[in-house]
Amino acid sequence: MEGSQIDFAGHARDEYYMLQEMYDFNDCATKALEFAKQNNETLVLVTADHATGELTMKEGNPDKKPKMEFLGNKHTSEMVPIFSYGPGSNEFSGIMENTDIFFRMRALLGL
């Protein structure tokens, strides 16, 4: 499962496009988690290979939503979280190099 259009929206600095893609990605992740909870043999990993657009939230009026602002349109070096659920999920937590995800997945698959 990949939300590549979220990256495209960051490059385009398009708040509406990004939010729509994030909602779509959330729906997919929710369905994957529901399946994994019933299946008990499925590992679900949710992460990103990088952030894009230097998205920041500006303080807004207490009665309104915060204002989103893109400070750039390139990939950033900030850390991205990893969330995991299912068998082997304990292998994916804390701070890790993104290439380690690949090697840990291979090991879990016995490759």
PDB file of N, CA and C in Angstrom:
ATOM      1  N   MET A   1       0.859  -1.166   0.000  1.00  0.00           N
ATOM      2  CA  MET A   1       0.000   0.000   0.000  1.00  0.00           C
ATOM      3  C   MET A   1       0.904   1.227   0.000  1.00  0.00           C
ATOM      4  N   GLU A   2       0.688   2.127  -0.921  1.00  0.00           N
ATOM      5  CA  GLU A   2       1.489   3.341  -0.986  1.00  0.00           C
ATOM      6  C   GLU A   2       0.585   4.517  -1.304  1.00  0.00           C
ATOM      7  N   GLY A   3       0.866   5.637  -0.657  1.00  0.00           N
ATOM      8  CA  GLY A   3       0.138   6.871  -0.926  1.00  0.00           C
ATOM      9  C   GLY A   3       1.009   7.841  -1.698  1.00  0.00           C
ATOM     10  N   SER A   4       1.456   7.430  -2.888  1.00  0.00           N
ATOM     11  CA  SER A   4       2.406   8.254  -3.648  1.00  0.00           C
ATOM     12  C   SER A   4       1.843   9.620  -4.014  1.00  0.00           C
ATOM     13  N   GLN A   5       0.527   9.720  -4.135  1.00  0.00           N
ATOM     14  CA  GLN A   5      -0.058  11.009  -4.505  1.00  0.00           C
ATOM     15  C   GLN A   5       0.081  12.035  -3.382  1.00  0.00           C
ATOM     16  N   ILE A   6       0.269  11.573  -2.130  1.00  0.00           N
ATOM     17  CA  ILE A   6       0.535  12.492  -1.025  1.00  0.00           C
ATOM     18  C   ILE A   6       1.844  13.217  -1.302  1.00  0.00           C
ATOM     19  N   ASP A   7       2.845  12.484  -1.792  1.00  0.00           N
ATOM     20  CA  ASP A   7       4.133  13.082  -2.168  1.00  0.00           C
ATOM     21  C   ASP A   7       3.948  14.094  -3.298  1.00  0.00           C
ATOM     22  N   PHE A   8       3.180  13.727  -4.316  1.00  0.00           N
ATOM     23  CA  PHE A   8       2.937  14.643  -5.434  1.00  0.00           C
ATOM     24  C   PHE A   8       2.281  15.935  -4.946  1.00  0.00           C
ATOM     25  N   ALA A   9       1.337  15.803  -4.008  1.00  0.00           N
ATOM     26  CA  ALA A   9       0.647  16.977  -3.470  1.00  0.00           C
ATOM     27  C   ALA A   9       1.615  17.875  -2.717  1.00  0.00           C
ATOM     28  N   GLY A  10       2.577  17.277  -2.007  1.00  0.00           N
ATOM     29  CA  GLY A  10       3.590  18.070  -1.312  1.00  0.00           C
ATOM     30  C   GLY A  10       4.465  18.845  -2.282  1.00  0.00           C
ATOM     31  N   HIS A  11       4.855  18.186  -3.373  1.00  0.00           N
ATOM     32  CA  HIS A  11       5.647  18.885  -4.391  1.00  0.00           C
ATOM     33  C   HIS A  11       4.848  20.037  -5.003  1.00  0.00           C
ATOM     34  N   ALA A  12       3.556  19.804  -5.194  1.00  0.00           N
ATOM     35  CA  ALA A  12       2.696  20.823  -5.802  1.00  0.00           C
ATOM     36  C   ALA A  12       2.264  21.893  -4.794  1.00  0.00           C
ATOM     37  N   ARG A  13       2.549  21.649  -3.508  1.00  0.00           N
ATOM     38  CA  ARG A  13       2.139  22.566  -2.438  1.00  0.00           C
ATOM     39  C   ARG A  13       0.626  22.792  -2.472  1.00  0.00           C
ATOM     40  N   ASP A  14      -0.099  21.690  -2.639  1.00  0.00           N
ATOM     41  CA  ASP A  14      -1.549  21.748  -2.808  1.00  0.00           C
ATOM     42  C   ASP A  14      -2.224  21.148  -1.574  1.00  0.00           C
ATOM     43  N   GLU A  15      -2.700  21.999  -0.696  1.00  0.00           N
ATOM     44  CA  GLU A  15      -3.310  21.592   0.570  1.00  0.00           C
ATOM     45  C   GLU A  15      -4.529  20.683   0.353  1.00  0.00           C
ATOM     46  N   TYR A  16      -5.432  21.078  -0.534  1.00  0.00           N
ATOM     47  CA  TYR A  16      -6.650  20.303  -0.770  1.00  0.00           C
ATOM     48  C   TYR A  16      -6.315  18.912  -1.302  1.00  0.00           C
ATOM     49  N   TYR A  17      -5.433  18.852  -2.300  1.00  0.00           N
ATOM     50  CA  TYR A  17      -5.006  17.591  -2.905  1.00  0.00           C
ATOM     51  C   TYR A  17      -4.385  16.687  -1.833  1.00  0.00           C
ATOM     52  N   MET A  18      -3.518  17.248  -0.989  1.00  0.00           N
ATOM     53  CA  MET A  18      -2.860  16.459   0.045  1.00  0.00           C
ATOM     54  C   MET A  18      -3.878  15.902   1.043  1.00  0.00           C
ATOM     55  N   LEU A  19      -4.785  16.737   1.494  1.00  0.00           N
ATOM     56  CA  LEU A  19      -5.783  16.276   2.458  1.00  0.00           C
ATOM     57  C   LEU A  19      -6.644  15.161   1.878  1.00  0.00           C
ATOM     58  N   GLN A  20      -7.073  15.309   0.618  1.00  0.00           N
ATOM     59  CA  GLN A  20      -7.889  14.276  -0.017  1.00  0.00           C
ATOM     60  C   GLN A  20      -7.116  12.963  -0.105  1.00  0.00           C
ATOM     61  N   GLU A  21      -5.849  13.037  -0.488  1.00  0.00           N
ATOM     62  CA  GLU A  21      -5.034  11.833  -0.594  1.00  0.00           C
ATOM     63  C   GLU A  21      -4.780  11.201   0.772  1.00  0.00           C
ATOM     64  N   MET A  22      -4.623  12.026   1.798  1.00  0.00           N
ATOM     65  CA  MET A  22      -4.430  11.500   3.143  1.00  0.00           C
ATOM     66  C   MET A  22      -5.698  10.810   3.650  1.00  0.00           C
ATOM     67  N   TYR A  23      -6.862  11.376   3.345  1.00  0.00           N
ATOM     68  CA  TYR A  23      -8.127  10.718   3.706  1.00  0.00           C
ATOM     69  C   TYR A  23      -8.249   9.369   2.990  1.00  0.00           C
ATOM     70  N   ASP A  24      -7.907   9.332   1.702  1.00  0.00           N
ATOM     71  CA  ASP A  24      -7.965   8.084   0.941  1.00  0.00           C
ATOM     72  C   ASP A  24      -6.996   7.055   1.519  1.00  0.00           C
ATOM     73  N   PHE A  25      -5.780   7.504   1.847  1.00  0.00           N
ATOM     74  CA  PHE A  25      -4.792   6.597   2.418  1.00  0.00           C
ATOM     75  C   PHE A  25      -5.269   6.058   3.759  1.00  0.00           C
ATOM     76  N   ASN A  26      -5.867   6.919   4.563  1.00  0.00           N
ATOM     77  CA  ASN A  26      -6.399   6.492   5.856  1.00  0.00           C
ATOM     78  C   ASN A  26      -7.473   5.413   5.681  1.00  0.00           C
ATOM     79  N   ASP A  27      -8.331   5.575   4.681  1.00  0.00           N
ATOM     80  CA  ASP A  27      -9.352   4.553   4.414  1.00  0.00           C
ATOM     81  C   ASP A  27      -8.705   3.212   4.062  1.00  0.00           C
ATOM     82  N   CYS A  28      -7.665   3.253   3.233  1.00  0.00           N
ATOM     83  CA  CYS A  28      -6.967   2.016   2.855  1.00  0.00           C
ATOM     84  C   CYS A  28      -6.292   1.377   4.058  1.00  0.00           C
ATOM     85  N   ALA A  29      -5.631   2.179   4.879  1.00  0.00           N
ATOM     86  CA  ALA A  29      -4.959   1.652   6.068  1.00  0.00           C
ATOM     87  C   ALA A  29      -5.976   1.043   7.036  1.00  0.00           C
ATOM     88  N   THR A  30      -7.111   1.669   7.172  1.00  0.00           N
ATOM     89  CA  THR A  30      -8.166   1.146   8.049  1.00  0.00           C
ATOM     90  C   THR A  30      -8.638  -0.216   7.563  1.00  0.00           C
ATOM     91  N   LYS A  31      -8.840  -0.359   6.256  1.00  0.00           N
ATOM     92  CA  LYS A  31      -9.279  -1.643   5.693  1.00  0.00           C
ATOM     93  C   LYS A  31      -8.204  -2.713   5.866  1.00  0.00           C
ATOM     94  N   ALA A  32      -6.941  -2.337   5.697  1.00  0.00           N
ATOM     95  CA  ALA A  32      -5.843  -3.292   5.890  1.00  0.00           C
ATOM     96  C   ALA A  32      -5.795  -3.753   7.345  1.00  0.00           C
ATOM     97  N   LEU A  33      -5.976  -2.840   8.286  1.00  0.00           N
ATOM     98  CA  LEU A  33      -5.980  -3.206   9.702  1.00  0.00           C
ATOM     99  C   LEU A  33      -7.163  -4.111  10.044  1.00  0.00           C
ATOM    100  N   GLU A  34      -8.335  -3.822   9.498  1.00  0.00           N
ATOM    101  CA  GLU A  34      -9.507  -4.667   9.735  1.00  0.00           C
ATOM    102  C   GLU A  34      -9.253  -6.080   9.234  1.00  0.00           C
ATOM    103  N   PHE A  35      -8.639  -6.190   8.052  1.00  0.00           N
ATOM    104  CA  PHE A  35      -8.312  -7.505   7.498  1.00  0.00           C
ATOM    105  C   PHE A  35      -7.305  -8.222   8.397  1.00  0.00           C
ATOM    106  N   ALA A  36      -6.250  -7.520   8.808  1.00  0.00           N
ATOM    107  CA  ALA A  36      -5.202  -8.119   9.635  1.00  0.00           C
ATOM    108  C   ALA A  36      -5.752  -8.597  10.977  1.00  0.00           C
ATOM    109  N   LYS A  37      -6.704  -7.871  11.535  1.00  0.00           N
ATOM    110  CA  LYS A  37      -7.297  -8.272  12.818  1.00  0.00           C
ATOM    111  C   LYS A  37      -8.091  -9.567  12.679  1.00  0.00           C
ATOM    112  N   GLN A  38      -8.697  -9.786  11.527  1.00  0.00           N
ATOM    113  CA  GLN A  38      -9.463 -11.013  11.300  1.00  0.00           C
ATOM    114  C   GLN A  38      -8.565 -12.169  10.860  1.00  0.00           C
ATOM    115  N   ASN A  39      -7.509 -11.848  10.133  1.00  0.00           N
ATOM    116  CA  ASN A  39      -6.654 -12.848   9.512  1.00  0.00           C
ATOM    117  C   ASN A  39      -5.599 -13.413  10.477  1.00  0.00           C
ATOM    118  N   ASN A  40      -5.057 -12.591  11.338  1.00  0.00           N
ATOM    119  CA  ASN A  40      -4.030 -12.963  12.323  1.00  0.00           C
ATOM    120  C   ASN A  40      -2.706 -13.428  11.717  1.00  0.00           C
ATOM    121  N   GLU A  41      -2.550 -13.351  10.403  1.00  0.00           N
ATOM    122  CA  GLU A  41      -1.287 -13.724   9.756  1.00  0.00           C
ATOM    123  C   GLU A  41      -0.750 -12.598   8.890  1.00  0.00           C
ATOM    124  N   THR A  42      -1.339 -11.428   9.002  1.00  0.00           N
ATOM    125  CA  THR A  42      -0.974 -10.300   8.139  1.00  0.00           C
ATOM    126  C   THR A  42      -0.291  -9.221   8.955  1.00  0.00           C
ATOM    127  N   LEU A  43       0.867  -8.787   8.478  1.00  0.00           N
ATOM    128  CA  LEU A  43       1.599  -7.674   9.072  1.00  0.00           C
ATOM    129  C   LEU A  43       1.280  -6.416   8.273  1.00  0.00           C
ATOM    130  N   VAL A  44       0.855  -5.374   8.951  1.00  0.00           N
ATOM    131  CA  VAL A  44       0.568  -4.093   8.307  1.00  0.00           C
ATOM    132  C   VAL A  44       1.629  -3.097   8.755  1.00  0.00           C
ATOM    133  N   LEU A  45       2.305  -2.485   7.795  1.00  0.00           N
ATOM    134  CA  LEU A  45       3.290  -1.436   8.064  1.00  0.00           C
ATOM    135  C   LEU A  45       2.828  -0.156   7.389  1.00  0.00           C
ATOM    136  N   VAL A  46       2.873   0.932   8.125  1.00  0.00           N
ATOM    137  CA  VAL A  46       2.530   2.238   7.566  1.00  0.00           C
ATOM    138  C   VAL A  46       3.684   3.174   7.874  1.00  0.00           C
ATOM    139  N   THR A  47       4.311   3.703   6.837  1.00  0.00           N
ATOM    140  CA  THR A  47       5.431   4.637   6.989  1.00  0.00           C
ATOM    141  C   THR A  47       5.573   5.434   5.700  1.00  0.00           C
ATOM    142  N   ALA A  48       6.641   6.175   5.599  1.00  0.00           N
ATOM    143  CA  ALA A  48       6.965   6.930   4.389  1.00  0.00           C
ATOM    144  C   ALA A  48       8.462   6.859   4.179  1.00  0.00           C
ATOM    145  N   ASP A  49       8.913   7.053   2.958  1.00  0.00           N
ATOM    146  CA  ASP A  49      10.353   7.071   2.730  1.00  0.00           C
ATOM    147  C   ASP A  49      10.941   8.465   2.934  1.00  0.00           C
ATOM    148  N   HIS A  50      10.068   9.462   2.986  1.00  0.00           N
ATOM    149  CA  HIS A  50      10.489  10.837   3.250  1.00  0.00           C
ATOM    150  C   HIS A  50       9.252  11.719   3.369  1.00  0.00           C
ATOM    151  N   ALA A  51       9.460  12.905   3.885  1.00  0.00           N
ATOM    152  CA  ALA A  51       8.400  13.924   3.888  1.00  0.00           C
ATOM    153  C   ALA A  51       8.666  14.875   2.716  1.00  0.00           C
ATOM    154  N   THR A  52       7.640  15.572   2.294  1.00  0.00           N
ATOM    155  CA  THR A  52       7.755  16.487   1.162  1.00  0.00           C
ATOM    156  C   THR A  52       6.973  17.763   1.441  1.00  0.00           C
ATOM    157  N   GLY A  53       7.562  18.878   1.109  1.00  0.00           N
ATOM    158  CA  GLY A  53       6.842  20.150   1.129  1.00  0.00           C
ATOM    159  C   GLY A  53       7.005  20.977   2.383  1.00  0.00           C
ATOM    160  N   GLU A  54       7.695  20.440   3.388  1.00  0.00           N
ATOM    161  CA  GLU A  54       7.885  21.180   4.642  1.00  0.00           C
ATOM    162  C   GLU A  54       6.567  21.767   5.140  1.00  0.00           C
ATOM    163  N   LEU A  55       5.578  20.912   5.242  1.00  0.00           N
ATOM    164  CA  LEU A  55       4.255  21.334   5.691  1.00  0.00           C
ATOM    165  C   LEU A  55       4.301  21.714   7.158  1.00  0.00           C
ATOM    166  N   THR A  56       3.760  22.854   7.477  1.00  0.00           N
ATOM    167  CA  THR A  56       3.693  23.307   8.863  1.00  0.00           C
ATOM    168  C   THR A  56       2.273  23.772   9.153  1.00  0.00           C
ATOM    169  N   MET A  57       1.935  23.754  10.404  1.00  0.00           N
ATOM    170  CA  MET A  57       0.611  24.214  10.818  1.00  0.00           C
ATOM    171  C   MET A  57       0.780  25.537  11.537  1.00  0.00           C
ATOM    172  N   LYS A  58       0.127  26.548  11.046  1.00  0.00           N
ATOM    173  CA  LYS A  58       0.144  27.867  11.676  1.00  0.00           C
ATOM    174  C   LYS A  58      -0.978  27.930  12.702  1.00  0.00           C
ATOM    175  N   GLU A  59      -0.741  28.666  13.750  1.00  0.00           N
ATOM    176  CA  GLU A  59      -1.777  28.831  14.766  1.00  0.00           C
ATOM    177  C   GLU A  59      -2.965  29.552  14.136  1.00  0.00           C
ATOM    178  N   GLY A  60      -4.127  29.008  14.386  1.00  0.00           N
ATOM    179  CA  GLY A  60      -5.333  29.615  13.832  1.00  0.00           C
ATOM    180  C   GLY A  60      -6.216  30.178  14.917  1.00  0.00           C
ATOM    181  N   ASN A  61      -7.290  30.732  14.509  1.00  0.00           N
ATOM    182  CA  ASN A  61      -8.313  31.222  15.413  1.00  0.00           C
ATOM    183  C   ASN A  61      -8.880  30.014  16.162  1.00  0.00           C
ATOM    184  N   PRO A  62      -9.087  30.102  17.482  1.00  0.00           N
ATOM    185  CA  PRO A  62      -9.605  28.948  18.240  1.00  0.00           C
ATOM    186  C   PRO A  62     -10.916  28.390  17.707  1.00  0.00           C
ATOM    187  N   ASP A  63     -11.685  29.196  16.993  1.00  0.00           N
ATOM    188  CA  ASP A  63     -12.959  28.738  16.454  1.00  0.00           C
ATOM    189  C   ASP A  63     -12.824  28.129  15.059  1.00  0.00           C
ATOM    190  N   LYS A  64     -11.602  28.151  14.496  1.00  0.00           N
ATOM    191  CA  LYS A  64     -11.387  27.661  13.137  1.00  0.00           C
ATOM    192  C   LYS A  64     -10.264  26.638  13.144  1.00  0.00           C
ATOM    193  N   LYS A  65     -10.133  25.919  12.026  1.00  0.00           N
ATOM    194  CA  LYS A  65      -9.052  24.953  11.900  1.00  0.00           C
ATOM    195  C   LYS A  65      -7.720  25.692  11.734  1.00  0.00           C
ATOM    196  N   PRO A  66      -6.614  25.049  12.116  1.00  0.00           N
ATOM    197  CA  PRO A  66      -5.303  25.682  11.929  1.00  0.00           C
ATOM    198  C   PRO A  66      -5.020  25.879  10.444  1.00  0.00           C
ATOM    199  N   LYS A  67      -4.189  26.823  10.142  1.00  0.00           N
ATOM    200  CA  LYS A  67      -3.836  27.104   8.752  1.00  0.00           C
ATOM    201  C   LYS A  67      -2.612  26.274   8.373  1.00  0.00           C
ATOM    202  N   MET A  68      -2.699  25.596   7.250  1.00  0.00           N
ATOM    203  CA  MET A  68      -1.577  24.818   6.733  1.00  0.00           C
ATOM    204  C   MET A  68      -0.736  25.714   5.840  1.00  0.00           C
ATOM    205  N   GLU A  69       0.582  25.525   5.898  1.00  0.00           N
ATOM    206  CA  GLU A  69       1.472  26.289   5.026  1.00  0.00           C
ATOM    207  C   GLU A  69       2.626  25.409   4.594  1.00  0.00           C
ATOM    208  N   PHE A  70       2.922  25.423   3.292  1.00  0.00           N
ATOM    209  CA  PHE A  70       4.078  24.712   2.760  1.00  0.00           C
ATOM    210  C   PHE A  70       5.254  25.679   2.728  1.00  0.00           C
ATOM    211  N   LEU A  71       6.372  25.274   3.311  1.00  0.00           N
ATOM    212  CA  LEU A  71       7.562  26.126   3.324  1.00  0.00           C
ATOM    213  C   LEU A  71       8.503  25.792   2.176  1.00  0.00           C
ATOM    214  N   GLY A  72       8.232  24.729   1.471  1.00  0.00           N
ATOM    215  CA  GLY A  72       9.054  24.318   0.342  1.00  0.00           C
ATOM    216  C   GLY A  72       8.280  23.368  -0.531  1.00  0.00           C
ATOM    217  N   ASN A  73       8.968  22.751  -1.497  1.00  0.00           N
ATOM    218  CA  ASN A  73       8.310  21.756  -2.349  1.00  0.00           C
ATOM    219  C   ASN A  73       9.230  20.572  -2.650  1.00  0.00           C
ATOM    220  N   LYS A  74      10.271  20.415  -1.853  1.00  0.00           N
ATOM    221  CA  LYS A  74      11.245  19.346  -2.053  1.00  0.00           C
ATOM    222  C   LYS A  74      11.099  18.306  -0.942  1.00  0.00           C
ATOM    223  N   HIS A  75      11.830  17.196  -1.099  1.00  0.00           N
ATOM    224  CA  HIS A  75      11.888  16.187  -0.041  1.00  0.00           C
ATOM    225  C   HIS A  75      12.633  16.772   1.142  1.00  0.00           C
ATOM    226  N   THR A  76      12.283  16.328   2.346  1.00  0.00           N
ATOM    227  CA  THR A  76      12.933  16.832   3.549  1.00  0.00           C
ATOM    228  C   THR A  76      13.690  15.696   4.237  1.00  0.00           C
ATOM    229  N   SER A  77      14.506  16.065   5.196  1.00  0.00           N
ATOM    230  CA  SER A  77      15.307  15.064   5.913  1.00  0.00           C
ATOM    231  C   SER A  77      14.740  14.752   7.291  1.00  0.00           C
ATOM    232  N   GLU A  78      13.546  15.241   7.580  1.00  0.00           N
ATOM    233  CA  GLU A  78      12.968  14.978   8.898  1.00  0.00           C
ATOM    234  C   GLU A  78      12.630  13.500   9.058  1.00  0.00           C
ATOM    235  N   MET A  79      12.627  13.031  10.298  1.00  0.00           N
ATOM    236  CA  MET A  79      12.276  11.644  10.571  1.00  0.00           C
ATOM    237  C   MET A  79      10.797  11.423  10.302  1.00  0.00           C
ATOM    238  N   VAL A  80      10.488  10.234   9.808  1.00  0.00           N
ATOM    239  CA  VAL A  80       9.094   9.851   9.595  1.00  0.00           C
ATOM    240  C   VAL A  80       8.797   8.645  10.490  1.00  0.00           C
ATOM    241  N   PRO A  81       7.602   8.565  11.035  1.00  0.00           N
ATOM    242  CA  PRO A  81       7.274   7.454  11.929  1.00  0.00           C
ATOM    243  C   PRO A  81       7.002   6.166  11.155  1.00  0.00           C
ATOM    244  N   ILE A  82       7.049   5.069  11.875  1.00  0.00           N
ATOM    245  CA  ILE A  82       6.597   3.788  11.335  1.00  0.00           C
ATOM    246  C   ILE A  82       5.603   3.210  12.331  1.00  0.00           C
ATOM    247  N   PHE A  83       4.493   2.750  11.817  1.00  0.00           N
ATOM    248  CA  PHE A  83       3.453   2.128  12.624  1.00  0.00           C
ATOM    249  C   PHE A  83       3.300   0.697  12.127  1.00  0.00           C
ATOM    250  N   SER A  84       3.132  -0.239  13.045  1.00  0.00           N
ATOM    251  CA  SER A  84       3.025  -1.635  12.639  1.00  0.00           C
ATOM    252  C   SER A  84       1.983  -2.356  13.478  1.00  0.00           C
ATOM    253  N   TYR A  85       1.390  -3.369  12.850  1.00  0.00           N
ATOM    254  CA  TYR A  85       0.387  -4.190  13.531  1.00  0.00           C
ATOM    255  C   TYR A  85       0.465  -5.595  12.952  1.00  0.00           C
ATOM    256  N   GLY A  86       0.427  -6.583  13.818  1.00  0.00           N
ATOM    257  CA  GLY A  86       0.377  -7.965  13.377  1.00  0.00           C
ATOM    258  C   GLY A  86       1.629  -8.730  13.739  1.00  0.00           C
ATOM    259  N   PRO A  87       1.738  -9.968  13.237  1.00  0.00           N
ATOM    260  CA  PRO A  87       2.888 -10.802  13.572  1.00  0.00           C
ATOM    261  C   PRO A  87       4.191 -10.172  13.079  1.00  0.00           C
ATOM    262  N   GLY A  88       5.161 -10.047  13.975  1.00  0.00           N
ATOM    263  CA  GLY A  88       6.438  -9.420  13.629  1.00  0.00           C
ATOM    264  C   GLY A  88       6.455  -7.923  13.832  1.00  0.00           C
ATOM    265  N   SER A  89       5.346  -7.355  14.294  1.00  0.00           N
ATOM    266  CA  SER A  89       5.286  -5.893  14.432  1.00  0.00           C
ATOM    267  C   SER A  89       6.317  -5.365  15.427  1.00  0.00           C
ATOM    268  N   ASN A  90       6.745  -6.208  16.360  1.00  0.00           N
ATOM    269  CA  ASN A  90       7.757  -5.761  17.327  1.00  0.00           C
ATOM    270  C   ASN A  90       9.104  -5.467  16.669  1.00  0.00           C
ATOM    271  N   GLU A  91       9.300  -5.894  15.427  1.00  0.00           N
ATOM    272  CA  GLU A  91      10.537  -5.616  14.691  1.00  0.00           C
ATOM    273  C   GLU A  91      10.576  -4.197  14.119  1.00  0.00           C
ATOM    274  N   PHE A  92       9.460  -3.499  14.177  1.00  0.00           N
ATOM    275  CA  PHE A  92       9.348  -2.198  13.518  1.00  0.00           C
ATOM    276  C   PHE A  92       8.895  -1.137  14.508  1.00  0.00           C
ATOM    277  N   SER A  93       9.844  -0.587  15.237  1.00  0.00           N
ATOM    278  CA  SER A  93       9.508   0.465  16.196  1.00  0.00           C
ATOM    279  C   SER A  93      10.742   1.308  16.462  1.00  0.00           C
ATOM    280  N   GLY A  94      10.514   2.425  17.100  1.00  0.00           N
ATOM    281  CA  GLY A  94      11.625   3.311  17.440  1.00  0.00           C
ATOM    282  C   GLY A  94      12.195   4.005  16.225  1.00  0.00           C
ATOM    283  N   ILE A  95      13.447   4.374  16.314  1.00  0.00           N
ATOM    284  CA  ILE A  95      14.143   5.050  15.214  1.00  0.00           C
ATOM    285  C   ILE A  95      14.904   3.994  14.428  1.00  0.00           C
ATOM    286  N   MET A  96      14.659   3.944  13.137  1.00  0.00           N
ATOM    287  CA  MET A  96      15.343   2.978  12.288  1.00  0.00           C
ATOM    288  C   MET A  96      15.625   3.581  10.917  1.00  0.00           C
ATOM    289  N   GLU A  97      16.689   3.120  10.300  1.00  0.00           N
ATOM    290  CA  GLU A  97      16.981   3.501   8.921  1.00  0.00           C
ATOM    291  C   GLU A  97      15.899   2.900   8.025  1.00  0.00           C
ATOM    292  N   ASN A  98      15.468   3.649   7.015  1.00  0.00           N
ATOM    293  CA  ASN A  98      14.391   3.113   6.182  1.00  0.00           C
ATOM    294  C   ASN A  98      14.814   1.857   5.426  1.00  0.00           C
ATOM    295  N   THR A  99      16.117   1.688   5.146  1.00  0.00           N
ATOM    296  CA  THR A  99      16.559   0.467   4.473  1.00  0.00           C
ATOM    297  C   THR A  99      16.460  -0.742   5.404  1.00  0.00           C
ATOM    298  N   ASP A 100      16.497  -0.522   6.727  1.00  0.00           N
ATOM    299  CA  ASP A 100      16.341  -1.628   7.673  1.00  0.00           C
ATOM    300  C   ASP A 100      14.950  -2.255   7.579  1.00  0.00           C
ATOM    301  N   ILE A 101      13.977  -1.486   7.183  1.00  0.00           N
ATOM    302  CA  ILE A 101      12.617  -2.021   7.032  1.00  0.00           C
ATOM    303  C   ILE A 101      12.630  -3.163   6.016  1.00  0.00           C
ATOM    304  N   PHE A 102      13.302  -2.941   4.907  1.00  0.00           N
ATOM    305  CA  PHE A 102      13.413  -3.970   3.864  1.00  0.00           C
ATOM    306  C   PHE A 102      14.056  -5.231   4.417  1.00  0.00           C
ATOM    307  N   PHE A 103      15.179  -5.095   5.107  1.00  0.00           N
ATOM    308  CA  PHE A 103      15.885  -6.267   5.608  1.00  0.00           C
ATOM    309  C   PHE A 103      15.109  -6.998   6.690  1.00  0.00           C
ATOM    310  N   ARG A 104      14.376  -6.277   7.520  1.00  0.00           N
ATOM    311  CA  ARG A 104      13.562  -6.923   8.549  1.00  0.00           C
ATOM    312  C   ARG A 104      12.363  -7.645   7.914  1.00  0.00           C
ATOM    313  N   MET A 105      11.805  -7.057   6.865  1.00  0.00           N
ATOM    314  CA  MET A 105      10.720  -7.741   6.150  1.00  0.00           C
ATOM    315  C   MET A 105      11.231  -9.036   5.525  1.00  0.00           C
ATOM    316  N   ARG A 106      12.391  -8.984   4.886  1.00  0.00           N
ATOM    317  CA  ARG A 106      12.993 -10.194   4.293  1.00  0.00           C
ATOM    318  C   ARG A 106      13.196 -11.277   5.344  1.00  0.00           C
ATOM    319  N   ALA A 107      13.722 -10.870   6.503  1.00  0.00           N
ATOM    320  CA  ALA A 107      13.990 -11.843   7.569  1.00  0.00           C
ATOM    321  C   ALA A 107      12.690 -12.493   8.052  1.00  0.00           C
ATOM    322  N   LEU A 108      11.638 -11.691   8.204  1.00  0.00           N
ATOM    323  CA  LEU A 108      10.357 -12.249   8.636  1.00  0.00           C
ATOM    324  C   LEU A 108       9.781 -13.222   7.622  1.00  0.00           C
ATOM    325  N   LEU A 109      10.079 -12.980   6.344  1.00  0.00           N
ATOM    326  CA  LEU A 109       9.611 -13.873   5.292  1.00  0.00           C
ATOM    327  C   LEU A 109      10.509 -15.095   5.111  1.00  0.00           C
ATOM    328  N   GLY A 110      11.632 -15.126   5.857  1.00  0.00           N
ATOM    329  CA  GLY A 110      12.561 -16.237   5.764  1.00  0.00           C
ATOM    330  C   GLY A 110      13.418 -16.202   4.506  1.00  0.00           C
ATOM    331  N   LEU A 111      13.629 -15.017   3.977  1.00  0.00           N
ATOM    332  CA  LEU A 111      14.442 -14.883   2.746  1.00  0.00           C
ATOM    333  C   LEU A 111      15.875 -14.487   3.052  1.00  0.00           C
TER     334      LEU A 111
END
